[in-house]
């Protein structure tokens, strides 16, 4: 096998060939080597997504980071926006988990096994997590057995959340 001369020209030729052969990762490898040999090689820098910004070569991510933005969920966002989105996602995830758990316990209330029904009543009665509020409201709204409605109302009264006030 032939050895590649470690020059900008040789790596550029190979990077071009790799791109033509749709071998993007290999082309990137050679472009990165060009930058190591010549840090100001404009063609290699732009091919790798760098831009000239205030006399420095930076990626779009670097430029946006200087502006306090980070790529998140398909676009550049501020850290505050990301934190809010993550908090909302965590809330949604918690609501889904609470609803699954409440449905399981509600099924146990009708179970023939008394220990399961007792356990469900104990678990439901102990809920104070505000993240359970919307799921508790859904359980109350969907409750067909009138004898269980007071239990849902009681649990809702001990959860501090705007959804429980209605």
C-alpha atoms as a PDB file:
ATOM      1  CA  UNK A   1       0.000   0.000   0.000  1.00  0.00           C
ATOM      2  CA  UNK A   2       1.206   3.489  -0.823  1.00  0.00           C
ATOM      3  CA  UNK A   3       1.909   6.010   1.878  1.00  0.00           C
ATOM      4  CA  UNK A   4       0.226   9.413   1.776  1.00  0.00           C
ATOM      5  CA  UNK A   5       2.589  12.397   1.992  1.00  0.00           C
ATOM      6  CA  UNK A   6       1.621  14.415   5.074  1.00  0.00           C
ATOM      7  CA  UNK A   7       1.012  17.648   3.182  1.00  0.00           C
ATOM      8  CA  UNK A   8      -1.920  20.020   2.797  1.00  0.00           C
ATOM      9  CA  UNK A   9      -2.116  19.243  -0.940  1.00  0.00           C
ATOM     10  CA  UNK A  10      -2.162  15.473  -0.416  1.00  0.00           C
ATOM     11  CA  UNK A  11      -4.825  15.647   2.308  1.00  0.00           C
ATOM     12  CA  UNK A  12      -6.915  18.071   0.218  1.00  0.00           C
ATOM     13  CA  UNK A  13      -6.807  15.698  -2.769  1.00  0.00           C
ATOM     14  CA  UNK A  14      -7.833  12.783  -0.590  1.00  0.00           C
ATOM     15  CA  UNK A  15     -10.586  14.802   1.143  1.00  0.00           C
ATOM     16  CA  UNK A  16     -11.974  15.753  -2.285  1.00  0.00           C
ATOM     17  CA  UNK A  17     -11.879  12.105  -3.426  1.00  0.00           C
ATOM     18  CA  UNK A  18     -13.581  10.972  -0.185  1.00  0.00           C
ATOM     19  CA  UNK A  19     -16.378  13.525  -0.680  1.00  0.00           C
ATOM     20  CA  UNK A  20     -16.891  12.339  -4.267  1.00  0.00           C
ATOM     21  CA  UNK A  21     -17.140   8.764  -2.961  1.00  0.00           C
ATOM     22  CA  UNK A  22     -19.592   9.919  -0.247  1.00  0.00           C
ATOM     23  CA  UNK A  23     -17.161   9.023   2.524  1.00  0.00           C
ATOM     24  CA  UNK A  24     -17.895  12.075   4.661  1.00  0.00           C
ATOM     25  CA  UNK A  25     -16.202  10.881   7.853  1.00  0.00           C
ATOM     26  CA  UNK A  26     -12.984  10.113   5.979  1.00  0.00           C
ATOM     27  CA  UNK A  27     -13.104  13.473   4.195  1.00  0.00           C
ATOM     28  CA  UNK A  28     -13.550  15.197   7.565  1.00  0.00           C
ATOM     29  CA  UNK A  29     -10.511  13.345   8.932  1.00  0.00           C
ATOM     30  CA  UNK A  30      -8.349  14.725   6.107  1.00  0.00           C
ATOM     31  CA  UNK A  31      -9.806  18.236   6.444  1.00  0.00           C
ATOM     32  CA  UNK A  32      -8.979  18.209  10.163  1.00  0.00           C
ATOM     33  CA  UNK A  33      -5.411  17.157   9.346  1.00  0.00           C
ATOM     34  CA  UNK A  34      -5.166  20.087   6.897  1.00  0.00           C
ATOM     35  CA  UNK A  35      -6.143  22.442   9.746  1.00  0.00           C
ATOM     36  CA  UNK A  36      -3.466  20.887  11.959  1.00  0.00           C
ATOM     37  CA  UNK A  37      -0.870  21.524   9.235  1.00  0.00           C
ATOM     38  CA  UNK A  38      -2.227  24.988   8.316  1.00  0.00           C
ATOM     39  CA  UNK A  39      -4.598  26.466  10.937  1.00  0.00           C
ATOM     40  CA  UNK A  40      -5.671  29.281   8.586  1.00  0.00           C
ATOM     41  CA  UNK A  41      -6.572  27.116   5.590  1.00  0.00           C
ATOM     42  CA  UNK A  42      -9.831  28.788   4.609  1.00  0.00           C
ATOM     43  CA  UNK A  43     -11.125  26.016   2.348  1.00  0.00           C
ATOM     44  CA  UNK A  44     -10.675  23.320   5.004  1.00  0.00           C
ATOM     45  CA  UNK A  45     -12.127  25.566   7.723  1.00  0.00           C
ATOM     46  CA  UNK A  46     -15.259  26.464   5.741  1.00  0.00           C
ATOM     47  CA  UNK A  47     -15.697  22.828   4.641  1.00  0.00           C
ATOM     48  CA  UNK A  48     -15.775  21.861   8.320  1.00  0.00           C
ATOM     49  CA  UNK A  49     -18.363  24.539   9.123  1.00  0.00           C
ATOM     50  CA  UNK A  50     -16.061  27.191  10.571  1.00  0.00           C
ATOM     51  CA  UNK A  51     -16.695  30.909  10.053  1.00  0.00           C
ATOM     52  CA  UNK A  52     -14.399  33.894  10.449  1.00  0.00           C
ATOM     53  CA  UNK A  53     -15.707  35.716  13.507  1.00  0.00           C
ATOM     54  CA  UNK A  54     -13.833  38.638  15.068  1.00  0.00           C
ATOM     55  CA  UNK A  55     -10.517  37.439  13.588  1.00  0.00           C
ATOM     56  CA  UNK A  56     -10.956  33.870  14.875  1.00  0.00           C
ATOM     57  CA  UNK A  57     -12.137  30.655  13.237  1.00  0.00           C
ATOM     58  CA  UNK A  58     -15.231  29.489  15.104  1.00  0.00           C
ATOM     59  CA  UNK A  59     -17.982  26.965  14.508  1.00  0.00           C
ATOM     60  CA  UNK A  60     -21.591  28.123  14.546  1.00  0.00           C
ATOM     61  CA  UNK A  61     -21.925  26.482  17.976  1.00  0.00           C
ATOM     62  CA  UNK A  62     -18.951  28.525  19.255  1.00  0.00           C
ATOM     63  CA  UNK A  63     -20.390  31.781  17.880  1.00  0.00           C
ATOM     64  CA  UNK A  64     -23.797  31.098  19.386  1.00  0.00           C
ATOM     65  CA  UNK A  65     -22.182  30.106  22.710  1.00  0.00           C
ATOM     66  CA  UNK A  66     -20.490  33.518  22.787  1.00  0.00           C
ATOM     67  CA  UNK A  67     -23.994  34.987  22.454  1.00  0.00           C
ATOM     68  CA  UNK A  68     -25.246  32.837  25.342  1.00  0.00           C
ATOM     69  CA  UNK A  69     -27.108  30.401  23.106  1.00  0.00           C
ATOM     70  CA  UNK A  70     -26.913  26.619  22.886  1.00  0.00           C
ATOM     71  CA  UNK A  71     -28.275  24.184  20.293  1.00  0.00           C
ATOM     72  CA  UNK A  72     -31.199  22.399  21.909  1.00  0.00           C
ATOM     73  CA  UNK A  73     -34.234  20.620  20.509  1.00  0.00           C
ATOM     74  CA  UNK A  74     -33.502  21.582  16.907  1.00  0.00           C
ATOM     75  CA  UNK A  75     -32.576  25.248  17.315  1.00  0.00           C
ATOM     76  CA  UNK A  76     -30.384  27.689  19.237  1.00  0.00           C
ATOM     77  CA  UNK A  77     -31.915  28.782  22.531  1.00  0.00           C
ATOM     78  CA  UNK A  78     -30.962  30.732  25.638  1.00  0.00           C
ATOM     79  CA  UNK A  79     -30.053  28.825  28.794  1.00  0.00           C
ATOM     80  CA  UNK A  80     -33.220  30.216  30.438  1.00  0.00           C
ATOM     81  CA  UNK A  81     -35.396  28.898  27.604  1.00  0.00           C
ATOM     82  CA  UNK A  82     -33.675  25.501  27.792  1.00  0.00           C
ATOM     83  CA  UNK A  83     -34.175  25.354  31.561  1.00  0.00           C
ATOM     84  CA  UNK A  84     -37.863  26.195  31.135  1.00  0.00           C
ATOM     85  CA  UNK A  85     -38.309  23.569  28.422  1.00  0.00           C
ATOM     86  CA  UNK A  86     -36.522  20.939  30.512  1.00  0.00           C
ATOM     87  CA  UNK A  87     -38.667  21.794  33.537  1.00  0.00           C
ATOM     88  CA  UNK A  88     -41.839  21.549  31.433  1.00  0.00           C
ATOM     89  CA  UNK A  89     -40.686  18.212  29.992  1.00  0.00           C
ATOM     90  CA  UNK A  90     -39.927  16.898  33.475  1.00  0.00           C
ATOM     91  CA  UNK A  91     -43.427  18.009  34.577  1.00  0.00           C
ATOM     92  CA  UNK A  92     -45.020  16.240  31.603  1.00  0.00           C
ATOM     93  CA  UNK A  93     -43.008  13.079  32.312  1.00  0.00           C
ATOM     94  CA  UNK A  94     -44.044  13.180  35.977  1.00  0.00           C
ATOM     95  CA  UNK A  95     -47.699  13.629  34.984  1.00  0.00           C
ATOM     96  CA  UNK A  96     -47.536  10.601  32.678  1.00  0.00           C
ATOM     97  CA  UNK A  97     -45.935   8.499  35.437  1.00  0.00           C
ATOM     98  CA  UNK A  98     -48.468   9.666  38.030  1.00  0.00           C
ATOM     99  CA  UNK A  99     -51.384   8.862  35.738  1.00  0.00           C
ATOM    100  CA  UNK A 100     -50.023   5.340  35.095  1.00  0.00           C
ATOM    101  CA  UNK A 101     -49.521   4.773  38.843  1.00  0.00           C
ATOM    102  CA  UNK A 102     -52.963   6.146  39.759  1.00  0.00           C
ATOM    103  CA  UNK A 103     -54.661   3.918  37.178  1.00  0.00           C
ATOM    104  CA  UNK A 104     -52.808   0.918  38.581  1.00  0.00           C
ATOM    105  CA  UNK A 105     -53.871   1.735  42.149  1.00  0.00           C
ATOM    106  CA  UNK A 106     -57.436   2.476  41.018  1.00  0.00           C
ATOM    107  CA  UNK A 107     -57.550  -1.013  39.504  1.00  0.00           C
ATOM    108  CA  UNK A 108     -56.373  -2.447  42.801  1.00  0.00           C
ATOM    109  CA  UNK A 109     -59.301  -0.785  44.601  1.00  0.00           C
ATOM    110  CA  UNK A 110     -61.625  -3.167  42.747  1.00  0.00           C
ATOM    111  CA  UNK A 111     -59.334  -6.179  43.233  1.00  0.00           C
ATOM    112  CA  UNK A 112     -60.478  -9.258  45.108  1.00  0.00           C
ATOM    113  CA  UNK A 113     -57.278  -9.177  47.130  1.00  0.00           C
ATOM    114  CA  UNK A 114     -58.012  -7.059  50.186  1.00  0.00           C
ATOM    115  CA  UNK A 115     -54.295  -6.413  50.806  1.00  0.00           C
ATOM    116  CA  UNK A 116     -53.991  -4.851  47.325  1.00  0.00           C
ATOM    117  CA  UNK A 117     -57.063  -2.659  47.841  1.00  0.00           C
ATOM    118  CA  UNK A 118     -55.740  -1.555  51.249  1.00  0.00           C
ATOM    119  CA  UNK A 119     -52.323  -0.797  49.760  1.00  0.00           C
ATOM    120  CA  UNK A 120     -53.908   1.263  46.954  1.00  0.00           C
ATOM    121  CA  UNK A 121     -56.025   3.239  49.417  1.00  0.00           C
ATOM    122  CA  UNK A 122     -52.960   3.902  51.574  1.00  0.00           C
ATOM    123  CA  UNK A 123     -50.821   4.984  48.616  1.00  0.00           C
ATOM    124  CA  UNK A 124     -53.497   7.230  47.089  1.00  0.00           C
ATOM    125  CA  UNK A 125     -54.292   8.772  50.455  1.00  0.00           C
ATOM    126  CA  UNK A 126     -50.632   9.688  51.031  1.00  0.00           C
ATOM    127  CA  UNK A 127     -50.216  11.725  47.823  1.00  0.00           C
ATOM    128  CA  UNK A 128     -49.071  15.326  48.322  1.00  0.00           C
ATOM    129  CA  UNK A 129     -46.843  15.752  45.240  1.00  0.00           C
ATOM    130  CA  UNK A 130     -48.001  18.799  43.217  1.00  0.00           C
ATOM    131  CA  UNK A 131     -46.867  17.014  40.029  1.00  0.00           C
ATOM    132  CA  UNK A 132     -49.714  14.533  40.618  1.00  0.00           C
ATOM    133  CA  UNK A 133     -52.366  17.284  40.522  1.00  0.00           C
ATOM    134  CA  UNK A 134     -53.430  17.114  36.872  1.00  0.00           C
ATOM    135  CA  UNK A 135     -53.466  13.309  36.953  1.00  0.00           C
ATOM    136  CA  UNK A 136     -55.619  13.354  40.096  1.00  0.00           C
ATOM    137  CA  UNK A 137     -58.042  15.743  38.400  1.00  0.00           C
ATOM    138  CA  UNK A 138     -58.233  13.355  35.417  1.00  0.00           C
ATOM    139  CA  UNK A 139     -58.937  10.439  37.751  1.00  0.00           C
ATOM    140  CA  UNK A 140     -61.722  12.375  39.485  1.00  0.00           C
ATOM    141  CA  UNK A 141     -63.214  13.500  36.161  1.00  0.00           C
ATOM    142  CA  UNK A 142     -63.134   9.938  34.823  1.00  0.00           C
ATOM    143  CA  UNK A 143     -64.393   8.229  37.978  1.00  0.00           C
ATOM    144  CA  UNK A 144     -67.601   6.303  37.250  1.00  0.00           C
ATOM    145  CA  UNK A 145     -68.052   4.821  40.705  1.00  0.00           C
ATOM    146  CA  UNK A 146     -69.616   7.537  42.904  1.00  0.00           C
ATOM    147  CA  UNK A 147     -68.345   5.824  46.046  1.00  0.00           C
ATOM    148  CA  UNK A 148     -64.730   6.658  45.098  1.00  0.00           C
ATOM    149  CA  UNK A 149     -65.299  10.339  44.241  1.00  0.00           C
ATOM    150  CA  UNK A 150     -64.921  11.505  47.890  1.00  0.00           C
ATOM    151  CA  UNK A 151     -61.541   9.738  48.069  1.00  0.00           C
ATOM    152  CA  UNK A 152     -60.298  11.640  44.978  1.00  0.00           C
ATOM    153  CA  UNK A 153     -61.676  14.909  46.404  1.00  0.00           C
ATOM    154  CA  UNK A 154     -59.888  14.280  49.712  1.00  0.00           C
ATOM    155  CA  UNK A 155     -56.559  13.617  47.984  1.00  0.00           C
ATOM    156  CA  UNK A 156     -56.985  16.698  45.777  1.00  0.00           C
ATOM    157  CA  UNK A 157     -57.550  18.819  48.893  1.00  0.00           C
ATOM    158  CA  UNK A 158     -54.111  17.879  50.259  1.00  0.00           C
ATOM    159  CA  UNK A 159     -52.187  18.652  47.036  1.00  0.00           C
ATOM    160  CA  UNK A 160     -51.144  22.285  46.701  1.00  0.00           C
ATOM    161  CA  UNK A 161     -51.479  23.113  42.999  1.00  0.00           C
ATOM    162  CA  UNK A 162     -53.682  25.485  40.940  1.00  0.00           C
ATOM    163  CA  UNK A 163     -55.272  22.501  39.123  1.00  0.00           C
ATOM    164  CA  UNK A 164     -56.686  21.208  42.415  1.00  0.00           C
ATOM    165  CA  UNK A 165     -58.476  24.482  43.239  1.00  0.00           C
ATOM    166  CA  UNK A 166     -61.279  24.053  40.700  1.00  0.00           C
END
